[in-house]
């Protein structure tokens, strides 16, 4: 292994040098660093199982906060399924040749798909300053209460413009959830649990799609308004129970430490871990050490994200978020509609959509095993490479015209692309997003990263809807050529700029960014435990 610096004496060893006197402040500072080093070494030495046993409640609260992602996932897939739902098309569609129940016009299909994202784009910009000021708990509670109110507008909507407006309003709390959940999960768990804790977000995204798939599968044969009203009403199942749980959740000890509330931070650590296995004073000392390294006289601001070494961190987060929309993910979001355009039967299309969602959840859980043994970078790169090849194969299958064999090939490849995306690139993305940002700028970085996601997703949704819609491009599986090309571009970019952060503490990550170590050299670079920069 390469070493950036030779190993240095520890702070306690420096204090014990004969004939050298230190004042009380220097001794306190050295003691704090010694405690920080002990805490960091303890986290490095833990296995995954030991980390789960030491921090059982951290895993539980990460699980609870991840549940907030169900609500965005549910609604995104709900709108995606509504454009294929017979009752919805009868109510809001227009007649089209060869379409028994009519079709949602391309402009409205695209508008409905992007409306929630427009709201979420507003929400993520609200989330950063709001969370920095009042914390993860209270910011999430505000979002949950707003969502409860906005669902009423969606439920009683009787026209596509009102549905469009309702979705924009619902999107605002989604933006808060999606910005806060990965940051909170990453901050409350020890090093060994960061990957599975943040990957749970992708699992709950899959759970949201499973619920939608099951409900719309049941109602796809109903032609009355209950076929779409009941799925809308089911959204009320989530916000209130989650709000009650989150009211009792501990605030992130990292956020409390940033605010100088060290006693509360220690209490939060004790609530997250077992007192017999966790030294809260050492943990807070470790947090203080990292935060002091990042210390600035200025208040965190969006401008700071684009200066110095933070620019590189911001670009990585934004790039990983943007790539989710450029590597076939939109096929998964409109799976049922895609299967219909691949000319499989109505019932089979909804059944395949449900199967896709169920397999996604299983593959996300398999990804936990992968990230335990392999790095984030390697999983992301190999997963993206396989996805790109499959997308090109999808385009080739669609180029053979309409036949039973070609249709089944398209449907199969569409399903495989949607599922394998949740084994590699998608769950690895959440881990990378949670680890890359600086601690003091984390709420702002995750917010701006998710904003990039929506900025890229909105035109991509219009493009995807146009490519699939019979009144638009009517490309069907040939859209695989387009997404395969953008996926290849993302893969090449990630190869040169995405570093490997597996097994790195936040202190080590900070130092490696400050030393401007090239992405491909991170894995073989060693950082001394005594280094402060």
Protein backbone atom coordinates (compact mmCIF):
# COMPACT_ATOMS: atom_id res chain seq x y z
CA UNK A 1 0.00 0.00 0.00
CA UNK A 2 1.03 3.58 -0.63
CA UNK A 3 1.34 5.97 2.29
CA UNK A 4 0.69 9.67 1.88
CA UNK A 5 2.65 10.44 5.06
CA UNK A 6 4.92 8.55 7.36
CA UNK A 7 3.32 7.34 10.60
CA UNK A 8 3.52 10.02 13.28
CA UNK A 9 3.61 9.80 17.08
CA UNK A 10 0.16 9.96 18.66
CA UNK A 11 -0.96 13.01 20.60
CA UNK A 12 -0.73 11.15 23.89
CA UNK A 13 2.85 10.12 23.08
CA UNK A 14 3.70 13.77 22.39
CA UNK A 15 2.29 14.75 25.79
CA UNK A 16 4.40 12.17 27.58
CA UNK A 17 7.73 13.45 26.23
CA UNK A 18 10.03 14.24 29.19
CA UNK A 19 10.96 17.85 29.83
CA UNK A 20 8.12 19.27 27.73
CA UNK A 21 5.26 21.17 29.40
CA UNK A 22 1.83 21.78 27.94
CA UNK A 23 -0.97 24.08 29.14
CA UNK A 24 -4.45 22.81 30.04
CA UNK A 25 -5.96 23.70 26.66
CA UNK A 26 -3.30 21.74 24.83
CA UNK A 27 -3.81 18.76 27.15
CA UNK A 28 -7.61 18.92 26.64
CA UNK A 29 -7.11 19.11 22.88
CA UNK A 30 -4.73 16.13 22.91
CA UNK A 31 -7.11 14.15 25.12
CA UNK A 32 -9.98 14.88 22.71
CA UNK A 33 -7.91 13.65 19.76
CA UNK A 34 -6.88 10.52 21.64
CA UNK A 35 -10.54 9.72 22.32
CA UNK A 36 -11.40 10.43 18.69
CA UNK A 37 -8.67 8.06 17.50
CA UNK A 38 -9.91 5.32 19.83
CA UNK A 39 -13.47 5.70 18.50
CA UNK A 40 -12.32 5.60 14.88
CA UNK A 41 -10.13 2.55 15.49
CA UNK A 42 -13.04 0.83 17.23
CA UNK A 43 -15.27 1.39 14.18
CA UNK A 44 -12.56 0.13 11.80
CA UNK A 45 -12.11 -3.04 13.86
CA UNK A 46 -15.83 -3.90 13.96
CA UNK A 47 -17.34 -6.54 11.70
CA UNK A 48 -20.80 -5.96 10.22
CA UNK A 49 -22.37 -8.32 12.78
CA UNK A 50 -20.58 -6.62 15.67
CA UNK A 51 -21.75 -3.23 14.39
CA UNK A 52 -25.38 -4.43 14.29
CA UNK A 53 -25.09 -5.76 17.86
CA UNK A 54 -23.45 -2.55 19.10
CA UNK A 55 -25.91 -0.22 17.34
CA UNK A 56 -29.28 -2.03 17.19
CA UNK A 57 -31.39 1.13 17.49
CA UNK A 58 -29.34 2.95 14.84
CA UNK A 59 -30.37 0.23 12.40
CA UNK A 60 -34.01 0.59 13.51
CA UNK A 61 -34.13 4.37 13.12
CA UNK A 62 -32.38 4.17 9.73
CA UNK A 63 -35.14 1.73 8.76
CA UNK A 64 -37.83 4.19 9.92
CA UNK A 65 -36.38 7.18 8.06
CA UNK A 66 -35.94 5.06 4.93
CA UNK A 67 -39.68 4.36 5.00
CA UNK A 68 -40.29 7.97 3.97
CA UNK A 69 -38.97 7.04 0.51
CA UNK A 70 -41.97 4.72 0.03
CA UNK A 71 -44.17 7.77 -0.46
CA UNK A 72 -42.25 9.25 -3.39
CA UNK A 73 -41.77 5.81 -4.92
CA UNK A 74 -45.47 4.98 -4.49
CA UNK A 75 -46.61 8.12 -6.26
CA UNK A 76 -44.02 8.00 -9.04
CA UNK A 77 -45.01 4.45 -9.93
CA UNK A 78 -48.71 5.25 -9.39
CA UNK A 79 -48.67 7.96 -12.06
CA UNK A 80 -46.61 5.65 -14.28
CA UNK A 81 -49.29 2.95 -13.90
CA UNK A 82 -52.24 5.37 -14.19
CA UNK A 83 -51.34 6.15 -17.82
CA UNK A 84 -51.81 2.41 -18.47
CA UNK A 85 -54.88 1.93 -16.20
CA UNK A 86 -58.11 1.43 -18.22
CA UNK A 87 -60.36 3.38 -15.80
CA UNK A 88 -57.95 6.33 -15.73
CA UNK A 89 -57.69 6.35 -19.52
CA UNK A 90 -61.50 6.23 -19.86
CA UNK A 91 -61.86 9.24 -17.53
CA UNK A 92 -58.95 11.42 -18.70
CA UNK A 93 -57.82 9.98 -22.05
CA UNK A 94 -58.62 10.72 -25.69
CA UNK A 95 -59.68 8.21 -28.39
CA UNK A 96 -56.82 6.66 -30.33
CA UNK A 97 -56.74 4.09 -33.11
CA UNK A 98 -56.24 0.57 -31.79
CA UNK A 99 -56.62 1.71 -28.15
CA UNK A 100 -59.78 0.24 -26.58
CA UNK A 101 -59.92 2.64 -23.62
CA UNK A 102 -58.29 5.64 -25.26
CA UNK A 103 -54.88 7.05 -24.41
CA UNK A 104 -53.48 9.81 -22.21
CA UNK A 105 -52.10 12.42 -24.61
CA UNK A 106 -48.33 12.57 -24.80
CA UNK A 107 -48.20 16.13 -23.43
CA UNK A 108 -50.28 15.19 -20.37
CA UNK A 109 -48.52 11.86 -19.89
CA UNK A 110 -45.22 13.74 -19.72
CA UNK A 111 -46.66 16.56 -17.62
CA UNK A 112 -48.06 14.16 -15.00
CA UNK A 113 -44.76 12.28 -14.87
CA UNK A 114 -42.76 15.47 -14.23
CA UNK A 115 -45.21 17.29 -11.94
CA UNK A 116 -44.08 15.51 -8.77
CA UNK A 117 -40.46 16.02 -9.77
CA UNK A 118 -41.04 19.76 -10.22
CA UNK A 119 -42.39 19.91 -6.67
CA UNK A 120 -39.55 17.76 -5.35
CA UNK A 121 -37.07 20.10 -7.03
CA UNK A 122 -38.52 22.89 -4.89
CA UNK A 123 -38.48 20.59 -1.85
CA UNK A 124 -34.79 19.69 -2.05
CA UNK A 125 -33.81 23.36 -2.10
CA UNK A 126 -36.04 23.92 0.94
CA UNK A 127 -34.61 20.84 2.69
CA UNK A 128 -30.97 21.99 2.89
CA UNK A 129 -31.42 25.28 4.79
CA UNK A 130 -34.39 23.90 6.76
CA UNK A 131 -32.49 20.82 7.96
CA UNK A 132 -29.33 22.82 8.70
CA UNK A 133 -31.45 25.06 10.93
CA UNK A 134 -33.92 22.72 12.72
CA UNK A 135 -32.44 19.23 12.22
CA UNK A 136 -33.43 16.07 10.38
CA UNK A 137 -36.29 15.11 12.71
CA UNK A 138 -38.25 18.33 12.63
CA UNK A 139 -37.67 18.92 8.91
CA UNK A 140 -39.02 15.44 8.14
CA UNK A 141 -42.02 15.96 10.44
CA UNK A 142 -42.87 19.19 8.60
CA UNK A 143 -42.78 17.27 5.30
CA UNK A 144 -45.04 14.49 6.60
CA UNK A 145 -47.71 16.92 7.81
CA UNK A 146 -47.65 18.83 4.50
CA UNK A 147 -48.03 15.57 2.58
CA UNK A 148 -51.12 14.61 4.60
CA UNK A 149 -52.77 17.86 3.51
CA UNK A 150 -51.74 17.74 -0.16
CA UNK A 151 -53.09 14.20 -0.70
CA UNK A 152 -56.62 15.66 -0.29
CA UNK A 153 -56.15 17.77 -3.43
CA UNK A 154 -55.02 14.74 -5.44
CA UNK A 155 -57.90 12.59 -4.18
CA UNK A 156 -60.65 15.09 -5.09
CA UNK A 157 -59.10 16.16 -8.42
CA UNK A 158 -61.44 15.84 -11.41
CA UNK A 159 -59.21 17.08 -14.20
CA UNK A 160 -55.66 16.58 -15.39
CA UNK A 161 -54.63 20.20 -14.60
CA UNK A 162 -55.73 19.77 -10.95
CA UNK A 163 -53.89 16.44 -10.73
CA UNK A 164 -50.83 18.19 -12.16
CA UNK A 165 -51.03 20.91 -9.47
CA UNK A 166 -51.63 18.34 -6.70
CA UNK A 167 -48.56 16.40 -7.76
CA UNK A 168 -46.39 19.53 -7.66
CA UNK A 169 -47.54 20.19 -4.08
CA UNK A 170 -46.98 16.56 -3.02
CA UNK A 171 -43.51 16.74 -4.53
CA UNK A 172 -42.36 19.42 -2.07
CA UNK A 173 -42.33 17.07 0.97
CA UNK A 174 -40.87 14.30 -1.20
CA UNK A 175 -37.91 16.58 -1.84
CA UNK A 176 -37.42 16.97 1.92
CA UNK A 177 -37.57 13.20 2.46
CA UNK A 178 -35.21 12.28 -0.37
CA UNK A 179 -32.65 14.90 0.67
CA UNK A 180 -32.73 14.02 4.37
CA UNK A 181 -33.07 10.23 4.45
CA UNK A 182 -29.67 9.25 2.93
CA UNK A 183 -27.84 11.88 5.01
CA UNK A 184 -29.54 10.89 8.27
CA UNK A 185 -29.03 7.14 7.69
CA UNK A 186 -25.37 7.68 6.84
CA UNK A 187 -24.78 9.77 9.98
CA UNK A 188 -26.43 7.63 12.68
CA UNK A 189 -24.80 4.27 11.90
CA UNK A 190 -21.16 3.16 12.33
CA UNK A 191 -18.80 2.80 9.40
CA UNK A 192 -19.57 -0.89 8.71
CA UNK A 193 -23.33 -0.24 8.46
CA UNK A 194 -23.24 2.81 6.19
CA UNK A 195 -23.72 0.74 3.03
CA UNK A 196 -26.69 -1.42 4.13
CA UNK A 197 -28.33 1.51 5.95
CA UNK A 198 -28.29 3.76 2.89
CA UNK A 199 -29.11 0.89 0.52
CA UNK A 200 -32.37 0.40 2.41
CA UNK A 201 -33.55 3.51 0.59
CA UNK A 202 -33.51 1.59 -2.69
CA UNK A 203 -35.34 -1.31 -1.03
CA UNK A 204 -38.14 0.99 0.13
CA UNK A 205 -38.28 2.49 -3.34
CA UNK A 206 -38.96 -1.06 -4.56
CA UNK A 207 -41.54 -1.62 -1.79
CA UNK A 208 -43.45 1.48 -2.93
CA UNK A 209 -43.54 0.11 -6.46
CA UNK A 210 -44.67 -3.33 -5.20
CA UNK A 211 -47.64 -1.79 -3.37
CA UNK A 212 -48.58 0.19 -6.48
CA UNK A 213 -48.14 -2.87 -8.69
CA UNK A 214 -50.36 -5.02 -6.45
CA UNK A 215 -53.12 -2.39 -6.17
CA UNK A 216 -53.23 -1.50 -9.87
CA UNK A 217 -53.05 -5.18 -10.82
CA UNK A 218 -56.20 -5.78 -8.74
CA UNK A 219 -58.00 -2.75 -10.19
CA UNK A 220 -56.85 -2.90 -13.81
CA UNK A 221 -60.08 -4.76 -14.74
CA UNK A 222 -62.33 -2.20 -12.94
CA UNK A 223 -63.71 0.62 -15.04
CA UNK A 224 -65.21 2.83 -12.30
CA UNK A 225 -63.44 5.74 -10.56
CA UNK A 226 -62.56 3.58 -7.52
CA UNK A 227 -59.90 1.95 -9.71
CA UNK A 228 -57.79 5.11 -9.32
CA UNK A 229 -59.37 6.76 -6.27
CA UNK A 230 -58.53 3.89 -3.89
CA UNK A 231 -54.82 3.78 -4.88
CA UNK A 232 -54.66 7.56 -4.28
CA UNK A 233 -56.32 7.20 -0.85
CA UNK A 234 -53.83 4.52 0.18
CA UNK A 235 -51.18 7.26 0.38
CA UNK A 236 -52.71 8.29 3.73
CA UNK A 237 -51.46 4.99 5.22
CA UNK A 238 -47.90 6.34 5.51
CA UNK A 239 -47.47 9.92 6.83
CA UNK A 240 -49.19 9.83 10.25
CA UNK A 241 -47.71 6.53 11.57
CA UNK A 242 -44.25 7.61 10.37
CA UNK A 243 -44.65 11.04 11.99
CA UNK A 244 -45.46 9.39 15.34
CA UNK A 245 -42.37 7.17 15.11
CA UNK A 246 -40.05 9.97 13.97
CA UNK A 247 -41.24 12.19 16.83
CA UNK A 248 -39.50 9.71 19.17
CA UNK A 249 -36.40 9.26 16.98
CA UNK A 250 -33.02 10.62 18.15
CA UNK A 251 -31.57 13.54 16.23
CA UNK A 252 -28.38 12.84 14.27
CA UNK A 253 -25.43 13.15 16.71
CA UNK A 254 -23.39 14.65 13.87
CA UNK A 255 -25.97 17.44 13.43
CA UNK A 256 -26.02 18.06 17.19
CA UNK A 257 -22.22 18.16 17.31
CA UNK A 258 -22.18 20.65 14.42
CA UNK A 259 -24.45 22.84 16.56
CA UNK A 260 -22.11 22.53 19.58
CA UNK A 261 -24.67 20.49 21.56
CA UNK A 262 -22.16 17.90 22.76
CA UNK A 263 -24.17 16.52 25.70
CA UNK A 264 -27.23 16.01 23.52
CA UNK A 265 -25.03 14.38 20.89
CA UNK A 266 -23.65 11.95 23.49
CA UNK A 267 -27.19 11.16 24.63
CA UNK A 268 -28.18 10.53 21.00
CA UNK A 269 -25.24 8.13 20.56
CA UNK A 270 -26.37 6.26 23.69
CA UNK A 271 -29.87 5.94 22.25
CA UNK A 272 -28.49 4.60 18.98
CA UNK A 273 -26.07 2.07 20.49
CA UNK A 274 -25.78 -0.23 23.48
CA UNK A 275 -24.11 1.55 26.40
CA UNK A 276 -22.02 -1.52 27.17
CA UNK A 277 -20.62 -1.55 23.62
CA UNK A 278 -20.39 2.15 22.76
CA UNK A 279 -18.37 4.92 24.41
CA UNK A 280 -20.46 8.03 23.69
CA UNK A 281 -17.70 10.44 24.82
CA UNK A 282 -15.23 8.90 22.34
CA UNK A 283 -17.83 8.98 19.57
CA UNK A 284 -18.56 12.66 20.11
CA UNK A 285 -14.81 13.36 20.23
CA UNK A 286 -14.45 11.66 16.84
CA UNK A 287 -17.26 13.81 15.44
CA UNK A 288 -15.74 16.98 16.89
CA UNK A 289 -12.38 16.12 15.33
CA UNK A 290 -13.89 15.82 11.84
CA UNK A 291 -16.07 18.92 12.24
CA UNK A 292 -13.10 20.98 13.48
CA UNK A 293 -11.13 19.85 10.41
CA UNK A 294 -13.95 21.22 8.22
CA UNK A 295 -14.51 24.29 10.42
CA UNK A 296 -15.22 27.60 8.71
CA UNK A 297 -16.19 31.02 10.01
CA UNK A 298 -18.90 31.17 7.37
CA UNK A 299 -22.33 29.61 7.67
CA UNK A 300 -22.86 26.70 5.25
CA UNK A 301 -24.12 28.03 1.90
CA UNK A 302 -24.83 26.68 -1.57
CA UNK A 303 -22.03 28.86 -2.98
CA UNK A 304 -19.52 26.96 -0.81
CA UNK A 305 -20.45 23.71 -2.58
CA UNK A 306 -18.80 25.00 -5.75
CA UNK A 307 -15.50 26.13 -4.24
CA UNK A 308 -12.20 24.33 -3.58
CA UNK A 309 -12.27 20.61 -2.81
CA UNK A 310 -16.03 20.76 -2.10
CA UNK A 311 -16.60 21.33 -5.83
CA UNK A 312 -15.23 17.87 -6.60
CA UNK A 313 -17.45 16.31 -3.92
CA UNK A 314 -20.51 18.17 -5.21
CA UNK A 315 -19.83 17.07 -8.80
CA UNK A 316 -19.56 13.41 -7.74
CA UNK A 317 -22.88 13.53 -5.86
CA UNK A 318 -24.59 15.39 -8.71
CA UNK A 319 -23.11 13.05 -11.31
CA UNK A 320 -24.22 9.88 -9.51
CA UNK A 321 -27.72 11.28 -9.04
CA UNK A 322 -27.96 12.38 -12.69
CA UNK A 323 -26.77 8.99 -13.95
CA UNK A 324 -29.75 7.25 -12.35
CA UNK A 325 -31.94 8.76 -15.08
CA UNK A 326 -29.54 8.03 -17.91
CA UNK A 327 -28.99 4.29 -17.43
CA UNK A 328 -32.44 2.80 -18.04
CA UNK A 329 -34.08 3.68 -14.74
CA UNK A 330 -37.02 5.34 -16.51
CA UNK A 331 -37.91 2.00 -18.09
CA UNK A 332 -38.42 0.66 -14.56
CA UNK A 333 -40.51 3.70 -13.56
CA UNK A 334 -42.87 3.08 -16.50
CA UNK A 335 -42.55 -0.70 -16.52
CA UNK A 336 -46.23 -1.53 -17.11
CA UNK A 337 -46.55 1.02 -19.90
CA UNK A 338 -43.30 -0.25 -21.44
CA UNK A 339 -44.61 -3.84 -21.39
CA UNK A 340 -47.84 -2.68 -23.06
CA UNK A 341 -45.86 -0.97 -25.83
CA UNK A 342 -43.89 -4.22 -26.23
CA UNK A 343 -47.28 -5.68 -27.25
CA UNK A 344 -47.81 -8.11 -24.38
CA UNK A 345 -51.37 -8.55 -23.04
CA UNK A 346 -53.03 -6.06 -20.65
CA UNK A 347 -53.10 -8.42 -17.64
CA UNK A 348 -49.64 -9.77 -18.40
CA UNK A 349 -48.25 -6.21 -18.54
CA UNK A 350 -49.54 -5.44 -15.03
CA UNK A 351 -48.37 -8.86 -13.77
CA UNK A 352 -44.88 -8.29 -15.21
CA UNK A 353 -44.82 -4.85 -13.58
CA UNK A 354 -45.56 -6.43 -10.19
CA UNK A 355 -42.97 -9.17 -10.75
CA UNK A 356 -40.38 -6.53 -11.66
CA UNK A 357 -41.00 -4.64 -8.42
CA UNK A 358 -40.82 -7.80 -6.29
CA UNK A 359 -37.55 -8.87 -7.93
CA UNK A 360 -36.13 -5.38 -7.41
CA UNK A 361 -36.66 -5.67 -3.66
CA UNK A 362 -34.96 -9.08 -3.56
CA UNK A 363 -32.00 -7.84 -5.61
CA UNK A 364 -31.57 -4.78 -3.37
CA UNK A 365 -31.19 -7.14 -0.39
CA UNK A 366 -28.64 -9.16 -2.37
CA UNK A 367 -26.73 -5.93 -2.95
CA UNK A 368 -26.11 -5.73 0.82
CA UNK A 369 -23.97 -8.85 0.49
CA UNK A 370 -22.10 -7.40 -2.50
CA UNK A 371 -21.19 -4.17 -0.71
CA UNK A 372 -19.92 -6.13 2.29
CA UNK A 373 -17.23 -7.80 0.17
CA UNK A 374 -16.76 -5.45 -2.79
CA UNK A 375 -16.23 -1.72 -3.12
CA UNK A 376 -18.82 0.85 -4.14
CA UNK A 377 -16.78 1.83 -7.20
CA UNK A 378 -16.39 -1.71 -8.54
CA UNK A 379 -20.09 -2.54 -8.02
CA UNK A 380 -21.16 0.70 -9.67
CA UNK A 381 -18.84 0.30 -12.68
CA UNK A 382 -19.57 -3.37 -13.35
CA UNK A 383 -23.31 -2.88 -12.82
CA UNK A 384 -23.36 0.08 -15.20
CA UNK A 385 -21.39 -1.86 -17.83
CA UNK A 386 -23.81 -4.82 -17.74
CA UNK A 387 -26.79 -2.43 -17.87
CA UNK A 388 -25.39 -0.66 -20.93
CA UNK A 389 -24.92 -3.94 -22.80
CA UNK A 390 -28.48 -5.06 -21.96
CA UNK A 391 -29.96 -1.74 -23.10
CA UNK A 392 -28.24 -2.06 -26.47
CA UNK A 393 -29.54 -5.66 -26.68
CA UNK A 394 -33.06 -4.34 -25.98
CA UNK A 395 -32.76 -1.97 -28.91
CA UNK A 396 -31.55 -4.79 -31.15
CA UNK A 397 -34.48 -7.03 -30.12
CA UNK A 398 -36.96 -4.24 -30.95
CA UNK A 399 -35.37 -3.78 -34.38
CA UNK A 400 -36.71 -7.17 -35.58
CA UNK A 401 -40.28 -5.86 -35.89
CA UNK A 402 -43.46 -7.06 -34.19
CA UNK A 403 -43.53 -10.81 -33.58
CA UNK A 404 -44.17 -13.03 -30.59
CA UNK A 405 -40.47 -13.79 -30.23
CA UNK A 406 -39.37 -10.15 -30.54
CA UNK A 407 -42.08 -8.98 -28.14
CA UNK A 408 -41.13 -11.53 -25.50
CA UNK A 409 -37.44 -10.67 -25.95
CA UNK A 410 -38.21 -6.97 -25.39
CA UNK A 411 -40.35 -7.68 -22.34
CA UNK A 412 -37.70 -9.99 -20.88
CA UNK A 413 -34.84 -7.56 -21.46
CA UNK A 414 -36.90 -4.65 -20.07
CA UNK A 415 -37.54 -6.68 -16.92
CA UNK A 416 -33.88 -7.71 -16.58
CA UNK A 417 -32.63 -4.13 -17.05
CA UNK A 418 -35.07 -2.86 -14.42
CA UNK A 419 -34.09 -5.57 -11.94
CA UNK A 420 -30.31 -5.57 -12.40
CA UNK A 421 -30.27 -1.78 -12.00
CA UNK A 422 -31.30 -2.38 -8.37
CA UNK A 423 -28.49 -4.89 -7.79
CA UNK A 424 -25.59 -2.66 -8.83
CA UNK A 425 -25.77 1.02 -9.79
CA UNK A 426 -28.89 2.05 -7.83
CA UNK A 427 -28.01 0.82 -4.29
CA UNK A 428 -24.32 1.72 -4.75
CA UNK A 429 -25.44 5.25 -5.69
CA UNK A 430 -27.16 5.79 -2.33
CA UNK A 431 -24.02 4.74 -0.44
CA UNK A 432 -21.80 7.02 -2.54
CA UNK A 433 -24.19 9.96 -2.05
CA UNK A 434 -24.23 9.44 1.72
CA UNK A 435 -20.43 9.22 2.04
CA UNK A 436 -19.12 11.81 -0.40
CA UNK A 437 -20.29 15.13 1.04
CA UNK A 438 -18.50 17.05 3.80
CA UNK A 439 -20.25 16.75 7.18
CA UNK A 440 -20.93 20.49 7.61
CA UNK A 441 -22.33 20.76 4.07
CA UNK A 442 -24.16 17.43 3.94
CA UNK A 443 -27.80 18.69 3.97
CA UNK A 444 -26.96 21.18 1.24
CA UNK A 445 -24.95 18.70 -0.86
CA UNK A 446 -27.63 16.00 -0.81
CA UNK A 447 -30.18 18.69 -1.65
CA UNK A 448 -28.29 20.05 -4.65
CA UNK A 449 -27.50 16.49 -5.77
CA UNK A 450 -31.14 15.48 -5.75
CA UNK A 451 -32.01 18.73 -7.50
CA UNK A 452 -29.64 17.64 -10.28
CA UNK A 453 -31.51 14.33 -10.40
CA UNK A 454 -34.80 16.13 -11.03
CA UNK A 455 -33.30 18.63 -13.49
CA UNK A 456 -32.03 15.70 -15.59
CA UNK A 457 -35.11 13.55 -14.99
CA UNK A 458 -37.69 16.10 -16.17
CA UNK A 459 -36.50 16.32 -19.81
CA UNK A 460 -35.73 12.58 -19.75
CA UNK A 461 -39.35 11.86 -18.76
CA UNK A 462 -40.60 13.90 -21.71
CA UNK A 463 -38.16 12.01 -23.94
CA UNK A 464 -39.11 8.60 -22.49
CA UNK A 465 -42.85 9.32 -22.80
CA UNK A 466 -42.40 10.53 -26.38
CA UNK A 467 -40.33 7.47 -27.33
CA UNK A 468 -42.90 5.00 -25.92
CA UNK A 469 -46.23 6.74 -26.66
CA UNK A 470 -48.10 5.57 -29.81
CA UNK A 471 -48.98 9.23 -30.52
CA UNK A 472 -45.28 10.17 -30.20
CA UNK A 473 -42.17 8.37 -31.40
CA UNK A 474 -43.65 4.88 -30.87
CA UNK A 475 -40.16 3.41 -30.56
CA UNK A 476 -40.95 0.72 -27.99
CA UNK A 477 -37.82 -1.23 -27.11
CA UNK A 478 -35.71 0.81 -29.57
CA UNK A 479 -35.40 3.34 -26.75
CA UNK A 480 -32.69 0.94 -25.52
CA UNK A 481 -30.32 2.47 -28.09
CA UNK A 482 -30.82 5.92 -26.57
CA UNK A 483 -30.44 4.83 -22.93
CA UNK A 484 -27.55 2.53 -23.85
CA UNK A 485 -25.69 5.51 -25.34
CA UNK A 486 -26.24 7.75 -22.31
CA UNK A 487 -25.40 4.83 -20.02
CA UNK A 488 -22.05 4.34 -21.77
CA UNK A 489 -21.23 8.02 -21.29
CA UNK A 490 -22.01 7.75 -17.56
CA UNK A 491 -19.87 4.61 -17.27
CA UNK A 492 -16.82 6.29 -18.83
CA UNK A 493 -17.23 9.36 -16.60
CA UNK A 494 -17.54 7.22 -13.46
CA UNK A 495 -14.40 5.24 -14.35
CA UNK A 496 -12.26 8.39 -14.26
CA UNK A 497 -13.92 10.37 -11.46
CA UNK A 498 -15.63 8.02 -8.95
CA UNK A 499 -13.39 7.15 -5.95
CA UNK A 500 -13.61 4.05 -3.74
CA UNK A 501 -14.81 4.98 -0.23
CA UNK A 502 -15.43 1.52 1.20
CA UNK A 503 -14.04 1.19 4.75
CA UNK A 504 -13.12 4.88 5.01
CA UNK A 505 -14.03 7.05 7.99
CA UNK A 506 -15.35 10.55 7.33
CA UNK A 507 -11.98 11.92 8.53
CA UNK A 508 -10.11 9.82 5.96
CA UNK A 509 -12.53 10.85 3.21
CA UNK A 510 -12.03 14.52 4.09
CA UNK A 511 -8.25 14.18 3.99
CA UNK A 512 -8.20 12.30 0.70
CA UNK A 513 -10.32 14.93 -1.00
CA UNK A 514 -8.09 17.70 0.39
CA UNK A 515 -4.99 15.91 -0.92
CA UNK A 516 -6.66 15.68 -4.36
CA UNK A 517 -5.91 11.98 -4.70
CA UNK A 518 -7.04 10.69 -8.15
CA UNK A 519 -10.17 8.53 -8.03
CA UNK A 520 -8.44 5.35 -9.25
CA UNK A 521 -5.77 5.58 -6.50
CA UNK A 522 -8.08 5.79 -3.46
CA UNK A 523 -8.22 2.07 -2.83
CA UNK A 524 -4.44 1.69 -2.44
CA UNK A 525 -3.89 4.87 -0.43
CA UNK A 526 -3.42 4.65 3.34
CA UNK A 527 -4.12 7.52 5.75
CA UNK A 528 -2.38 7.67 9.12
CA UNK A 529 -4.75 7.63 12.08
CA UNK A 530 -3.01 10.66 13.61
CA UNK A 531 -3.38 12.88 10.55
CA UNK A 532 -5.41 16.08 10.92
CA UNK A 533 -5.86 18.37 7.91
